[in-house]
């Protein structure tokens, strides 16, 4: 089992899939043992139950869900920086996720 579990959530799960693969590459090169996966907003609750992530990162297009998730979860919930998301900067998003986990 991975040391850190990072969940990304977006509208359909498609755009974050590319970000996940970039984050996985960054984790490998930084020697970080992390399971990183993406879920569509509609499947988020089921994935949270199944995987018990250490942090939830929301795509900018679902930032409106931040309050709901923060209310019901005891893990860090953060909206991904729009610039990092747009540039698919896996390295920076990974660093932010790891920092949130602590």
Protein backbone atom coordinates (compact mmCIF):
# COMPACT_ATOMS: atom_id res chain seq x y z
CA UNK A 1 0.00 0.00 0.00
CA UNK A 2 1.27 3.45 -0.91
CA UNK A 3 2.49 5.80 1.79
CA UNK A 4 0.30 8.64 0.52
CA UNK A 5 -3.01 8.47 -1.33
CA UNK A 6 -3.96 11.51 -3.37
CA UNK A 7 -7.37 11.88 -4.98
CA UNK A 8 -8.13 14.38 -7.72
CA UNK A 9 -11.71 15.25 -8.56
CA UNK A 10 -13.03 17.04 -11.63
CA UNK A 11 -16.26 17.31 -13.60
CA UNK A 12 -15.87 14.11 -15.63
CA UNK A 13 -12.52 12.67 -14.52
CA UNK A 14 -11.00 13.07 -17.96
CA UNK A 15 -8.86 16.19 -17.70
CA UNK A 16 -7.45 15.13 -14.35
CA UNK A 17 -6.35 11.77 -15.78
CA UNK A 18 -3.54 13.49 -17.68
CA UNK A 19 -2.60 15.43 -14.54
CA UNK A 20 -2.54 12.16 -12.56
CA UNK A 21 0.00 10.62 -14.95
CA UNK A 22 2.19 13.73 -14.74
CA UNK A 23 1.97 13.67 -10.95
CA UNK A 24 2.88 9.95 -10.90
CA UNK A 25 5.97 10.65 -13.02
CA UNK A 26 6.96 13.48 -10.66
CA UNK A 27 6.40 11.24 -7.62
CA UNK A 28 8.60 8.51 -9.12
CA UNK A 29 11.42 10.91 -9.91
CA UNK A 30 11.17 12.46 -6.41
CA UNK A 31 11.06 9.05 -4.73
CA UNK A 32 7.59 9.66 -3.27
CA UNK A 33 5.50 6.54 -2.64
CA UNK A 34 2.03 7.73 -3.61
CA UNK A 35 -1.13 6.33 -5.09
CA UNK A 36 -2.67 9.07 -7.22
CA UNK A 37 -6.04 8.68 -8.91
CA UNK A 38 -8.82 10.77 -10.43
CA UNK A 39 -12.57 10.56 -10.06
CA UNK A 40 -15.52 12.35 -11.58
CA UNK A 41 -17.48 14.54 -9.17
CA UNK A 42 -20.44 12.17 -9.51
CA UNK A 43 -18.30 9.22 -8.31
CA UNK A 44 -16.36 11.13 -5.66
CA UNK A 45 -18.22 9.83 -2.60
CA UNK A 46 -17.86 6.20 -3.68
CA UNK A 47 -14.13 6.66 -4.38
CA UNK A 48 -13.60 8.39 -1.02
CA UNK A 49 -15.22 5.43 0.73
CA UNK A 50 -13.27 2.87 -1.27
CA UNK A 51 -9.78 4.42 -1.25
CA UNK A 52 -9.66 6.60 1.93
CA UNK A 53 -7.28 9.18 0.44
CA UNK A 54 -5.02 11.40 2.57
CA UNK A 55 -5.93 14.50 0.57
CA UNK A 56 -8.58 15.56 -1.96
CA UNK A 57 -7.57 17.98 -4.71
CA UNK A 58 -10.41 19.55 -6.70
CA UNK A 59 -10.14 20.69 -10.31
CA UNK A 60 -10.95 24.40 -10.76
CA UNK A 61 -14.17 23.50 -12.60
CA UNK A 62 -15.59 21.85 -9.45
CA UNK A 63 -14.33 24.41 -6.92
CA UNK A 64 -17.97 24.95 -5.90
CA UNK A 65 -17.81 21.52 -4.17
CA UNK A 66 -14.98 22.58 -1.83
CA UNK A 67 -17.27 23.61 1.05
CA UNK A 68 -19.33 20.42 0.88
CA UNK A 69 -16.25 18.20 0.98
CA UNK A 70 -14.61 20.24 3.76
CA UNK A 71 -17.77 19.88 5.85
CA UNK A 72 -17.94 16.10 5.60
CA UNK A 73 -14.29 15.03 5.37
CA UNK A 74 -11.54 14.99 7.96
CA UNK A 75 -8.77 15.20 5.34
CA UNK A 76 -7.34 18.30 3.63
CA UNK A 77 -9.46 19.49 0.68
CA UNK A 78 -7.95 22.02 -1.70
CA UNK A 79 -8.76 23.49 -5.11
CA UNK A 80 -5.90 22.97 -7.57
CA UNK A 81 -4.26 26.22 -8.64
CA UNK A 82 -5.87 27.17 -11.95
CA UNK A 83 -2.55 27.94 -13.64
CA UNK A 84 -0.96 24.66 -12.52
CA UNK A 85 -4.08 22.81 -13.67
CA UNK A 86 -4.14 24.54 -17.05
CA UNK A 87 -0.44 23.86 -17.59
CA UNK A 88 -0.87 20.28 -16.29
CA UNK A 89 2.02 20.95 -13.90
CA UNK A 90 2.09 17.59 -12.12
CA UNK A 91 5.20 18.49 -10.14
CA UNK A 92 3.63 21.56 -8.48
CA UNK A 93 0.26 19.91 -7.83
CA UNK A 94 2.05 16.91 -6.29
CA UNK A 95 4.15 19.20 -4.07
CA UNK A 96 1.01 21.00 -2.89
CA UNK A 97 -0.74 17.69 -2.13
CA UNK A 98 2.24 16.36 -0.16
CA UNK A 99 2.46 19.63 1.77
CA UNK A 100 -1.23 19.37 2.70
CA UNK A 101 -0.81 15.81 3.94
CA UNK A 102 2.06 17.02 6.13
